[in-house]
């Protein structure tokens, strides 16, 4: 792959919810790290997610890409729903990663 960023965004809705699904390529070597992190977020209740968000924000932990890693936490916190994710093998080094959640239409 070159420097181009390929990504997928799907927004669907019904009477009650918006469903947001995001997807992009990731390194296959990062799969277990992602699974562990997302499972940790999914195991938290709303108060734990908020506290974790503030902890990350206040500690100022910045990744090598320049972010504090708040994207998944924000998705989990704002949606108040579990994060659903999948991995599709592309080759030995790449996978296609999707993550999605539902947002209550009435809460927006």
N, C-alpha and C. Protein backbone atom coordinates (compact mmCIF):
# COMPACT_ATOMS: atom_id res chain seq x y z
N UNK A 1 0.84 -1.19 0.00
CA UNK A 1 0.00 0.00 0.00
C UNK A 1 0.87 1.24 0.00
N UNK A 2 0.42 2.27 -0.68
CA UNK A 2 1.15 3.53 -0.65
C UNK A 2 0.62 4.41 0.47
N UNK A 3 0.86 5.71 0.38
CA UNK A 3 0.46 6.62 1.45
C UNK A 3 -1.01 6.98 1.44
N UNK A 4 -1.77 6.52 0.45
CA UNK A 4 -3.20 6.82 0.41
C UNK A 4 -3.91 6.14 1.57
N UNK A 5 -4.87 6.83 2.14
CA UNK A 5 -5.69 6.28 3.20
C UNK A 5 -7.03 5.87 2.61
N UNK A 6 -7.33 4.60 2.66
CA UNK A 6 -8.62 4.11 2.19
C UNK A 6 -9.49 3.83 3.40
N UNK A 7 -10.73 4.30 3.35
CA UNK A 7 -11.60 4.13 4.49
C UNK A 7 -13.04 3.95 4.03
N UNK A 8 -13.87 3.49 4.95
CA UNK A 8 -15.28 3.24 4.70
C UNK A 8 -16.08 3.90 5.81
N UNK A 9 -17.14 4.59 5.44
CA UNK A 9 -18.07 5.16 6.41
C UNK A 9 -19.48 4.81 5.94
N UNK A 10 -20.26 4.18 6.81
CA UNK A 10 -21.65 3.85 6.50
C UNK A 10 -22.52 4.43 7.61
N UNK A 11 -23.56 5.13 7.21
CA UNK A 11 -24.53 5.65 8.15
C UNK A 11 -25.89 5.13 7.70
N UNK A 12 -26.56 4.44 8.58
CA UNK A 12 -27.90 3.91 8.29
C UNK A 12 -28.82 4.32 9.43
N UNK A 13 -30.10 4.29 9.16
CA UNK A 13 -31.02 4.67 10.23
C UNK A 13 -32.32 3.90 10.13
N UNK A 14 -32.99 3.84 11.26
CA UNK A 14 -34.36 3.36 11.33
C UNK A 14 -35.10 4.33 12.25
N UNK A 15 -36.28 3.98 12.66
CA UNK A 15 -37.08 4.87 13.49
C UNK A 15 -36.40 5.24 14.81
N UNK A 16 -35.63 4.31 15.37
CA UNK A 16 -35.07 4.50 16.70
C UNK A 16 -33.60 4.88 16.73
N UNK A 17 -32.80 4.41 15.76
CA UNK A 17 -31.35 4.53 15.85
C UNK A 17 -30.70 4.98 14.55
N UNK A 18 -29.52 5.55 14.72
CA UNK A 18 -28.56 5.69 13.62
C UNK A 18 -27.52 4.62 13.86
N UNK A 19 -27.10 3.94 12.83
CA UNK A 19 -26.00 2.99 12.93
C UNK A 19 -24.83 3.56 12.15
N UNK A 20 -23.70 3.67 12.82
CA UNK A 20 -22.48 4.19 12.22
C UNK A 20 -21.48 3.04 12.14
N UNK A 21 -20.92 2.82 10.94
CA UNK A 21 -19.89 1.80 10.77
C UNK A 21 -18.72 2.45 10.05
N UNK A 22 -17.54 2.28 10.61
CA UNK A 22 -16.31 2.80 10.05
C UNK A 22 -15.40 1.62 9.72
N UNK A 23 -14.63 1.75 8.66
CA UNK A 23 -13.71 0.68 8.31
C UNK A 23 -12.45 1.21 7.65
N UNK A 24 -11.35 0.54 7.89
CA UNK A 24 -10.11 0.85 7.20
C UNK A 24 -9.13 -0.30 7.34
N UNK A 25 -8.04 -0.18 6.61
CA UNK A 25 -7.01 -1.20 6.68
C UNK A 25 -6.16 -0.98 7.92
N UNK A 26 -5.71 -2.07 8.51
CA UNK A 26 -4.84 -2.03 9.68
C UNK A 26 -3.85 -3.17 9.58
N UNK A 27 -2.80 -3.07 10.35
CA UNK A 27 -1.81 -4.14 10.36
C UNK A 27 -2.38 -5.35 11.08
N UNK A 28 -2.20 -6.51 10.49
CA UNK A 28 -2.69 -7.75 11.09
C UNK A 28 -2.05 -7.97 12.46
N UNK A 29 -0.83 -7.50 12.63
CA UNK A 29 -0.13 -7.66 13.90
C UNK A 29 -0.81 -6.90 15.04
N UNK A 30 -1.66 -5.92 14.71
CA UNK A 30 -2.34 -5.12 15.73
C UNK A 30 -3.68 -5.71 16.15
N UNK A 31 -4.09 -6.82 15.57
CA UNK A 31 -5.43 -7.37 15.83
C UNK A 31 -5.67 -7.64 17.31
N UNK A 32 -4.78 -8.37 17.97
CA UNK A 32 -5.03 -8.73 19.36
C UNK A 32 -5.05 -7.51 20.26
N UNK A 33 -4.21 -6.52 19.97
CA UNK A 33 -4.21 -5.29 20.74
C UNK A 33 -5.56 -4.57 20.61
N UNK A 34 -6.10 -4.53 19.39
CA UNK A 34 -7.41 -3.93 19.17
C UNK A 34 -8.52 -4.70 19.88
N UNK A 35 -8.48 -6.02 19.78
CA UNK A 35 -9.49 -6.85 20.45
C UNK A 35 -9.46 -6.59 21.96
N UNK A 36 -8.28 -6.61 22.55
CA UNK A 36 -8.16 -6.38 24.00
C UNK A 36 -8.70 -5.01 24.39
N UNK A 37 -8.35 -3.99 23.63
CA UNK A 37 -8.76 -2.63 23.94
C UNK A 37 -10.27 -2.46 23.81
N UNK A 38 -10.83 -2.97 22.70
CA UNK A 38 -12.27 -2.83 22.47
C UNK A 38 -13.08 -3.66 23.45
N UNK A 39 -12.61 -4.84 23.78
CA UNK A 39 -13.30 -5.65 24.79
C UNK A 39 -13.27 -4.96 26.15
N UNK A 40 -12.15 -4.31 26.47
CA UNK A 40 -12.05 -3.56 27.72
C UNK A 40 -13.10 -2.45 27.74
N UNK A 41 -13.20 -1.68 26.65
CA UNK A 41 -14.19 -0.60 26.58
C UNK A 41 -15.61 -1.15 26.68
N UNK A 42 -15.88 -2.27 26.00
CA UNK A 42 -17.22 -2.85 26.03
C UNK A 42 -17.59 -3.41 27.39
N UNK A 43 -16.60 -3.74 28.21
CA UNK A 43 -16.90 -4.29 29.54
C UNK A 43 -17.21 -3.19 30.56
N UNK A 44 -16.95 -1.95 30.21
CA UNK A 44 -17.16 -0.83 31.13
C UNK A 44 -18.60 -0.36 31.09
N UNK A 45 -19.08 0.13 32.27
CA UNK A 45 -20.37 0.80 32.28
C UNK A 45 -20.14 2.27 31.90
N UNK A 46 -21.22 3.03 31.80
CA UNK A 46 -21.13 4.42 31.34
C UNK A 46 -20.21 5.27 32.21
N UNK A 47 -20.30 5.10 33.52
CA UNK A 47 -19.46 5.89 34.43
C UNK A 47 -17.98 5.53 34.28
N UNK A 48 -17.69 4.25 34.10
CA UNK A 48 -16.30 3.82 33.91
C UNK A 48 -15.73 4.38 32.61
N UNK A 49 -16.54 4.40 31.56
CA UNK A 49 -16.08 4.94 30.27
C UNK A 49 -15.75 6.42 30.42
N UNK A 50 -16.62 7.17 31.09
CA UNK A 50 -16.37 8.61 31.31
C UNK A 50 -15.09 8.83 32.11
N UNK A 51 -14.91 8.04 33.15
CA UNK A 51 -13.71 8.17 33.99
C UNK A 51 -12.46 7.83 33.19
N UNK A 52 -12.54 6.80 32.37
CA UNK A 52 -11.39 6.40 31.55
C UNK A 52 -11.06 7.50 30.54
N UNK A 53 -12.09 8.09 29.93
CA UNK A 53 -11.90 9.20 28.99
C UNK A 53 -11.16 10.34 29.67
N UNK A 54 -11.60 10.74 30.86
CA UNK A 54 -10.96 11.83 31.58
C UNK A 54 -9.54 11.49 31.98
N UNK A 55 -9.33 10.24 32.36
CA UNK A 55 -7.97 9.79 32.72
C UNK A 55 -7.02 9.94 31.54
N UNK A 56 -7.44 9.48 30.38
CA UNK A 56 -6.59 9.58 29.18
C UNK A 56 -6.38 11.04 28.82
N UNK A 57 -7.44 11.83 28.86
CA UNK A 57 -7.36 13.25 28.52
C UNK A 57 -6.44 13.99 29.48
N UNK A 58 -6.57 13.74 30.77
CA UNK A 58 -5.77 14.45 31.77
C UNK A 58 -4.31 14.01 31.80
N UNK A 59 -4.05 12.76 31.45
CA UNK A 59 -2.66 12.29 31.45
C UNK A 59 -1.91 12.71 30.21
N UNK A 60 -2.63 13.21 29.20
CA UNK A 60 -1.98 13.74 28.01
C UNK A 60 -1.16 12.72 27.25
N UNK A 61 -1.58 11.46 27.25
CA UNK A 61 -0.84 10.43 26.54
C UNK A 61 -1.09 10.59 25.04
N UNK A 62 -0.06 10.93 24.31
CA UNK A 62 -0.16 11.17 22.87
C UNK A 62 0.52 10.01 22.14
N UNK A 63 -0.18 9.47 21.15
CA UNK A 63 0.36 8.36 20.37
C UNK A 63 1.37 8.86 19.35
N UNK A 64 2.02 7.93 18.68
CA UNK A 64 2.98 8.29 17.64
C UNK A 64 2.30 8.98 16.46
N UNK A 65 0.99 8.81 16.31
CA UNK A 65 0.24 9.47 15.24
C UNK A 65 -0.26 10.84 15.68
N UNK A 66 -0.01 11.22 16.92
CA UNK A 66 -0.38 12.54 17.39
C UNK A 66 -1.70 12.62 18.12
N UNK A 67 -2.39 11.50 18.29
CA UNK A 67 -3.68 11.51 18.99
C UNK A 67 -3.56 10.92 20.37
N UNK A 68 -4.56 11.15 21.16
CA UNK A 68 -4.56 10.63 22.54
C UNK A 68 -5.33 9.32 22.63
N UNK A 69 -5.79 8.78 21.51
CA UNK A 69 -6.51 7.51 21.53
C UNK A 69 -7.93 7.64 22.03
N UNK A 70 -8.53 8.80 21.84
CA UNK A 70 -9.86 9.04 22.38
C UNK A 70 -10.99 8.65 21.44
N UNK A 71 -10.70 8.33 20.20
CA UNK A 71 -11.73 8.05 19.21
C UNK A 71 -12.67 6.92 19.60
N UNK A 72 -12.14 5.76 19.92
CA UNK A 72 -12.97 4.62 20.31
C UNK A 72 -13.69 4.89 21.63
N UNK A 73 -12.99 5.56 22.55
CA UNK A 73 -13.60 5.88 23.84
C UNK A 73 -14.78 6.82 23.61
N UNK A 74 -14.60 7.81 22.76
CA UNK A 74 -15.68 8.75 22.46
C UNK A 74 -16.86 8.05 21.81
N UNK A 75 -16.58 7.15 20.86
CA UNK A 75 -17.66 6.38 20.23
C UNK A 75 -18.46 5.63 21.28
N UNK A 76 -17.77 4.97 22.18
CA UNK A 76 -18.41 4.16 23.22
C UNK A 76 -19.20 5.05 24.18
N UNK A 77 -18.61 6.18 24.54
CA UNK A 77 -19.24 7.08 25.50
C UNK A 77 -20.48 7.75 24.91
N UNK A 78 -20.38 8.25 23.69
CA UNK A 78 -21.50 8.97 23.08
C UNK A 78 -22.64 8.04 22.69
N UNK A 79 -22.31 6.84 22.25
CA UNK A 79 -23.36 5.93 21.79
C UNK A 79 -24.07 5.23 22.93
N UNK A 80 -23.37 5.08 24.06
CA UNK A 80 -23.90 4.32 25.19
C UNK A 80 -24.27 2.90 24.78
N UNK A 81 -23.62 2.43 23.72
CA UNK A 81 -23.84 1.08 23.19
C UNK A 81 -22.51 0.37 23.04
N UNK A 82 -22.58 -0.93 22.94
CA UNK A 82 -21.38 -1.72 22.70
C UNK A 82 -20.80 -1.36 21.33
N UNK A 83 -19.49 -1.47 21.21
CA UNK A 83 -18.81 -1.31 19.94
C UNK A 83 -18.71 -2.68 19.28
N UNK A 84 -19.22 -2.80 18.07
CA UNK A 84 -19.14 -4.06 17.33
C UNK A 84 -18.01 -3.94 16.33
N UNK A 85 -17.21 -4.97 16.24
CA UNK A 85 -16.06 -4.90 15.34
C UNK A 85 -15.85 -6.22 14.62
N UNK A 86 -15.20 -6.12 13.46
CA UNK A 86 -14.85 -7.31 12.67
C UNK A 86 -13.46 -7.09 12.07
N UNK A 87 -12.86 -8.21 11.70
CA UNK A 87 -11.57 -8.19 11.03
C UNK A 87 -11.66 -9.10 9.81
N UNK A 88 -11.24 -8.60 8.68
CA UNK A 88 -11.17 -9.42 7.48
C UNK A 88 -9.74 -9.50 7.01
N UNK A 89 -9.25 -10.71 6.85
CA UNK A 89 -7.87 -10.90 6.43
C UNK A 89 -7.71 -10.46 4.98
N UNK A 90 -6.71 -9.62 4.72
CA UNK A 90 -6.39 -9.18 3.36
C UNK A 90 -5.19 -9.98 2.86
N UNK A 91 -4.14 -10.01 3.65
CA UNK A 91 -2.96 -10.82 3.36
C UNK A 91 -2.23 -11.06 4.68
N UNK A 92 -1.00 -11.50 4.61
CA UNK A 92 -0.27 -11.83 5.84
C UNK A 92 -0.03 -10.62 6.75
N UNK A 93 0.01 -9.44 6.18
CA UNK A 93 0.34 -8.27 6.98
C UNK A 93 -0.81 -7.29 7.17
N UNK A 94 -1.85 -7.39 6.34
CA UNK A 94 -2.96 -6.43 6.42
C UNK A 94 -4.29 -7.11 6.71
N UNK A 95 -5.15 -6.35 7.38
CA UNK A 95 -6.52 -6.79 7.60
C UNK A 95 -7.42 -5.59 7.34
N UNK A 96 -8.69 -5.85 7.10
CA UNK A 96 -9.67 -4.78 7.00
C UNK A 96 -10.48 -4.81 8.29
N UNK A 97 -10.43 -3.71 9.01
CA UNK A 97 -11.03 -3.59 10.33
C UNK A 97 -12.28 -2.71 10.23
N UNK A 98 -13.40 -3.20 10.77
CA UNK A 98 -14.60 -2.37 10.85
C UNK A 98 -15.03 -2.25 12.30
N UNK A 99 -15.59 -1.11 12.62
CA UNK A 99 -16.13 -0.88 13.96
C UNK A 99 -17.42 -0.08 13.80
N UNK A 100 -18.40 -0.44 14.59
CA UNK A 100 -19.68 0.24 14.49
C UNK A 100 -20.40 0.31 15.81
N UNK A 101 -21.37 1.19 15.85
CA UNK A 101 -22.19 1.34 17.03
C UNK A 101 -23.51 1.99 16.65
N UNK A 102 -24.45 1.97 17.55
CA UNK A 102 -25.76 2.58 17.33
C UNK A 102 -25.91 3.82 18.20
N UNK A 103 -26.55 4.83 17.65
CA UNK A 103 -26.86 6.06 18.38
C UNK A 103 -28.37 6.19 18.46
N UNK A 104 -28.85 6.46 19.63
CA UNK A 104 -30.28 6.65 19.84
C UNK A 104 -30.70 7.98 19.19
N UNK A 105 -31.62 7.93 18.24
CA UNK A 105 -32.07 9.13 17.52
C UNK A 105 -32.70 10.15 18.46
N UNK A 106 -33.37 9.67 19.47
CA UNK A 106 -34.05 10.57 20.40
C UNK A 106 -33.09 11.32 21.32
N UNK A 107 -31.90 10.77 21.50
CA UNK A 107 -30.92 11.37 22.40
C UNK A 107 -30.07 12.43 21.70
N UNK A 108 -30.17 12.51 20.39
CA UNK A 108 -29.32 13.45 19.63
C UNK A 108 -30.02 14.78 19.49
